[in-house]
Amino acid sequence: MAKQKQSMQKKTLSAADEVERSVRSIQAAFDNGDRETLRGLMTEDHVSIMTYAHSSNAGELLKSLSDYNFSEYKISQQRVKFLTQEVALASHHATIKGTYNGKEVPSPVHVTTVWLKRRGEWLQALYQETPVPKQ
């Protein structure tokens, strides 16, 4: 029984590492304007919700990619929670330096993302930012 529990923990840690890598990979692709990589890391019905922009599908986000100009996007406090073996909820804190349509974006923000495992790959289905209130 203890071996089975240990094995499950290793699988969970491994899957969590995969999701965390995917979070960093999709952000790097976004920062670099890499449409092809982004397309491969998102579901077609991907939804993005920010206070300054939103998109209802991957195509809309990719079309508006040039409206974003981020010089820095720092990820910290990353967490992953599995809702099922093929659905993960990931969250992190982000400090962003950049603009959307020439206007400064809120920073810092709390980010929540939903990831789906399809054909062995983790794909982002939802990205949502909430500005952290200044204290």
C-alpha atoms as a PDB file:
ATOM      1  CA  MET A   1       0.000   0.000   0.000  1.00  0.00           C
ATOM      2  CA  ALA A   2       2.812   2.432   0.876  1.00  0.00           C
ATOM      3  CA  LYS A   3       4.595   1.637  -2.408  1.00  0.00           C
ATOM      4  CA  GLN A   4       1.403   2.333  -4.383  1.00  0.00           C
ATOM      5  CA  LYS A   5       0.937   5.674  -2.596  1.00  0.00           C
ATOM      6  CA  GLN A   6       4.584   6.585  -3.259  1.00  0.00           C
ATOM      7  CA  SER A   7       4.189   5.662  -6.931  1.00  0.00           C
ATOM      8  CA  MET A   8       1.057   7.834  -7.216  1.00  0.00           C
ATOM      9  CA  GLN A   9       2.895  10.755  -5.577  1.00  0.00           C
ATOM     10  CA  LYS A  10       5.759  10.421  -8.083  1.00  0.00           C
ATOM     11  CA  LYS A  11       3.269  10.414 -10.983  1.00  0.00           C
ATOM     12  CA  THR A  12       1.531  13.470  -9.522  1.00  0.00           C
ATOM     13  CA  LEU A  13       4.833  15.291  -9.056  1.00  0.00           C
ATOM     14  CA  SER A  14       5.850  14.380 -12.578  1.00  0.00           C
ATOM     15  CA  ALA A  15       2.531  15.584 -14.016  1.00  0.00           C
ATOM     16  CA  ALA A  16       2.733  18.778 -11.935  1.00  0.00           C
ATOM     17  CA  ASP A  17       6.228  19.382 -13.317  1.00  0.00           C
ATOM     18  CA  GLU A  18       4.857  18.890 -16.840  1.00  0.00           C
ATOM     19  CA  VAL A  19       2.117  21.465 -16.252  1.00  0.00           C
ATOM     20  CA  GLU A  20       4.573  23.930 -14.687  1.00  0.00           C
ATOM     21  CA  ARG A  21       6.863  23.550 -17.718  1.00  0.00           C
ATOM     22  CA  SER A  22       3.878  24.123 -20.004  1.00  0.00           C
ATOM     23  CA  VAL A  23       2.974  27.304 -18.076  1.00  0.00           C
ATOM     24  CA  ARG A  24       6.495  28.659 -18.623  1.00  0.00           C
ATOM     25  CA  SER A  25       6.617  27.499 -22.257  1.00  0.00           C
ATOM     26  CA  ILE A  26       3.341  29.155 -23.242  1.00  0.00           C
ATOM     27  CA  GLN A  27       4.387  32.395 -21.514  1.00  0.00           C
ATOM     28  CA  ALA A  28       7.756  32.408 -23.299  1.00  0.00           C
ATOM     29  CA  ALA A  29       5.984  31.834 -26.641  1.00  0.00           C
ATOM     30  CA  PHE A  30       3.551  34.648 -25.838  1.00  0.00           C
ATOM     31  CA  ASP A  31       6.373  37.033 -24.871  1.00  0.00           C
ATOM     32  CA  ASN A  32       8.235  36.191 -28.098  1.00  0.00           C
ATOM     33  CA  GLY A  33       5.165  36.447 -30.336  1.00  0.00           C
ATOM     34  CA  ASP A  34       5.613  32.805 -31.377  1.00  0.00           C
ATOM     35  CA  ARG A  35       2.183  32.064 -32.877  1.00  0.00           C
ATOM     36  CA  GLU A  36       3.004  28.508 -33.957  1.00  0.00           C
ATOM     37  CA  THR A  37       4.121  27.423 -30.470  1.00  0.00           C
ATOM     38  CA  LEU A  38       1.146  29.194 -28.883  1.00  0.00           C
ATOM     39  CA  ARG A  39      -1.273  27.461 -31.237  1.00  0.00           C
ATOM     40  CA  GLY A  40       0.235  24.111 -30.212  1.00  0.00           C
ATOM     41  CA  LEU A  41      -0.122  24.850 -26.488  1.00  0.00           C
ATOM     42  CA  MET A  42      -3.758  26.071 -26.485  1.00  0.00           C
ATOM     43  CA  THR A  43      -7.113  24.440 -27.096  1.00  0.00           C
ATOM     44  CA  GLU A  44      -9.063  25.825 -30.070  1.00  0.00           C
ATOM     45  CA  ASP A  45     -11.756  27.106 -27.698  1.00  0.00           C
ATOM     46  CA  HIS A  46      -9.199  28.755 -25.403  1.00  0.00           C
ATOM     47  CA  VAL A  47     -10.546  31.690 -23.365  1.00  0.00           C
ATOM     48  CA  SER A  48      -8.462  34.601 -22.038  1.00  0.00           C
ATOM     49  CA  ILE A  49      -9.834  37.030 -19.471  1.00  0.00           C
ATOM     50  CA  MET A  50      -7.920  40.092 -18.293  1.00  0.00           C
ATOM     51  CA  THR A  51      -9.141  43.499 -17.116  1.00  0.00           C
ATOM     52  CA  TYR A  52      -7.711  45.056 -20.288  1.00  0.00           C
ATOM     53  CA  ALA A  53      -8.478  42.384 -22.922  1.00  0.00           C
ATOM     54  CA  HIS A  54     -10.312  39.128 -23.537  1.00  0.00           C
ATOM     55  CA  SER A  55     -10.612  36.519 -26.260  1.00  0.00           C
ATOM     56  CA  SER A  56     -13.171  33.781 -26.843  1.00  0.00           C
ATOM     57  CA  ASN A  57     -10.945  31.402 -28.790  1.00  0.00           C
ATOM     58  CA  ALA A  58      -7.330  30.736 -29.743  1.00  0.00           C
ATOM     59  CA  GLY A  59      -7.738  32.424 -33.128  1.00  0.00           C
ATOM     60  CA  GLU A  60      -8.838  35.719 -31.563  1.00  0.00           C
ATOM     61  CA  LEU A  61      -5.886  35.708 -29.159  1.00  0.00           C
ATOM     62  CA  LEU A  62      -3.393  34.933 -31.922  1.00  0.00           C
ATOM     63  CA  LYS A  63      -4.889  37.656 -34.111  1.00  0.00           C
ATOM     64  CA  SER A  64      -4.404  40.247 -31.344  1.00  0.00           C
ATOM     65  CA  LEU A  65      -0.918  39.069 -30.322  1.00  0.00           C
ATOM     66  CA  SER A  66       0.811  42.154 -31.756  1.00  0.00           C
ATOM     67  CA  ASP A  67      -1.310  44.369 -29.448  1.00  0.00           C
ATOM     68  CA  TYR A  68       0.637  42.977 -26.457  1.00  0.00           C
ATOM     69  CA  ASN A  69       4.119  44.317 -25.732  1.00  0.00           C
ATOM     70  CA  PHE A  70       5.603  42.741 -22.593  1.00  0.00           C
ATOM     71  CA  SER A  71       9.237  43.388 -21.725  1.00  0.00           C
ATOM     72  CA  GLU A  72       9.004  41.283 -18.570  1.00  0.00           C
ATOM     73  CA  TYR A  73       6.705  38.615 -17.143  1.00  0.00           C
ATOM     74  CA  LYS A  74       8.004  37.085 -13.905  1.00  0.00           C
ATOM     75  CA  ILE A  75       6.276  33.994 -12.534  1.00  0.00           C
ATOM     76  CA  SER A  76       6.365  33.125  -8.825  1.00  0.00           C
ATOM     77  CA  GLN A  77       4.365  31.105  -6.310  1.00  0.00           C
ATOM     78  CA  GLN A  78       3.401  28.546  -8.939  1.00  0.00           C
ATOM     79  CA  ARG A  79       0.927  25.849  -7.853  1.00  0.00           C
ATOM     80  CA  VAL A  80      -0.810  23.000  -9.664  1.00  0.00           C
ATOM     81  CA  LYS A  81      -3.917  21.137  -8.485  1.00  0.00           C
ATOM     82  CA  PHE A  82      -5.290  18.171 -10.405  1.00  0.00           C
ATOM     83  CA  LEU A  83      -9.054  18.056 -10.786  1.00  0.00           C
ATOM     84  CA  THR A  84      -8.760  14.765 -12.700  1.00  0.00           C
ATOM     85  CA  GLN A  85      -5.819  12.952 -14.307  1.00  0.00           C
ATOM     86  CA  GLU A  86      -6.413  15.007 -17.468  1.00  0.00           C
ATOM     87  CA  VAL A  87      -7.497  18.364 -16.021  1.00  0.00           C
ATOM     88  CA  ALA A  88      -5.242  20.643 -13.985  1.00  0.00           C
ATOM     89  CA  LEU A  89      -5.813  24.006 -12.352  1.00  0.00           C
ATOM     90  CA  ALA A  90      -2.615  26.033 -12.186  1.00  0.00           C
ATOM     91  CA  SER A  91      -2.070  29.349 -10.480  1.00  0.00           C
ATOM     92  CA  HIS A  92       0.793  31.760 -10.062  1.00  0.00           C
ATOM     93  CA  HIS A  93       1.675  35.302  -9.177  1.00  0.00           C
ATOM     94  CA  ALA A  94       3.005  37.427 -12.058  1.00  0.00           C
ATOM     95  CA  THR A  95       4.815  40.712 -12.193  1.00  0.00           C
ATOM     96  CA  ILE A  96       4.372  42.201 -15.656  1.00  0.00           C
ATOM     97  CA  LYS A  97       6.100  45.110 -17.344  1.00  0.00           C
ATOM     98  CA  GLY A  98       4.389  45.938 -20.582  1.00  0.00           C
ATOM     99  CA  THR A  99       1.484  47.341 -22.487  1.00  0.00           C
ATOM    100  CA  TYR A 100      -1.652  46.291 -24.325  1.00  0.00           C
ATOM    101  CA  ASN A 101      -2.619  48.647 -27.165  1.00  0.00           C
ATOM    102  CA  GLY A 102      -0.082  51.134 -25.812  1.00  0.00           C
ATOM    103  CA  LYS A 103      -1.553  51.244 -22.291  1.00  0.00           C
ATOM    104  CA  GLU A 104       0.275  49.852 -19.269  1.00  0.00           C
ATOM    105  CA  VAL A 105      -1.128  46.535 -18.014  1.00  0.00           C
ATOM    106  CA  PRO A 106      -1.916  45.942 -14.330  1.00  0.00           C
ATOM    107  CA  SER A 107       0.839  44.437 -12.204  1.00  0.00           C
ATOM    108  CA  PRO A 108       1.189  42.439 -10.070  1.00  0.00           C
ATOM    109  CA  VAL A 109      -1.566  39.976 -10.927  1.00  0.00           C
ATOM    110  CA  HIS A 110      -2.759  36.593  -9.740  1.00  0.00           C
ATOM    111  CA  VAL A 111      -3.122  34.195 -12.679  1.00  0.00           C
ATOM    112  CA  THR A 112      -5.309  31.109 -12.871  1.00  0.00           C
ATOM    113  CA  THR A 113      -5.106  28.733 -15.817  1.00  0.00           C
ATOM    114  CA  VAL A 114      -6.882  25.510 -16.732  1.00  0.00           C
ATOM    115  CA  TRP A 115      -4.927  22.796 -18.536  1.00  0.00           C
ATOM    116  CA  LEU A 116      -6.304  19.755 -20.391  1.00  0.00           C
ATOM    117  CA  LYS A 117      -4.226  16.723 -21.307  1.00  0.00           C
ATOM    118  CA  ARG A 118      -4.896  15.852 -24.945  1.00  0.00           C
ATOM    119  CA  ARG A 119      -2.913  13.327 -26.987  1.00  0.00           C
ATOM    120  CA  GLY A 120      -0.319  13.223 -24.193  1.00  0.00           C
ATOM    121  CA  GLU A 121       0.248  17.015 -24.153  1.00  0.00           C
ATOM    122  CA  TRP A 122      -0.943  19.640 -21.673  1.00  0.00           C
ATOM    123  CA  LEU A 123      -2.944  22.366 -23.461  1.00  0.00           C
ATOM    124  CA  GLN A 124      -4.117  25.605 -21.886  1.00  0.00           C
ATOM    125  CA  ALA A 125      -7.908  26.047 -22.088  1.00  0.00           C
ATOM    126  CA  LEU A 126      -8.265  29.150 -19.890  1.00  0.00           C
ATOM    127  CA  TYR A 127      -6.068  32.073 -18.820  1.00  0.00           C
ATOM    128  CA  GLN A 128      -7.460  34.541 -16.286  1.00  0.00           C
ATOM    129  CA  GLU A 129      -5.701  37.466 -14.562  1.00  0.00           C
ATOM    130  CA  THR A 130      -6.835  39.287 -11.449  1.00  0.00           C
ATOM    131  CA  PRO A 131      -4.950  42.419 -10.380  1.00  0.00           C
ATOM    132  CA  VAL A 132      -3.534  42.223  -6.851  1.00  0.00           C
ATOM    133  CA  PRO A 133      -4.801  45.179  -4.811  1.00  0.00           C
ATOM    134  CA  LYS A 134      -2.124  47.629  -3.723  1.00  0.00           C
ATOM    135  CA  GLN A 135      -1.765  47.815   0.039  1.00  0.00           C
END
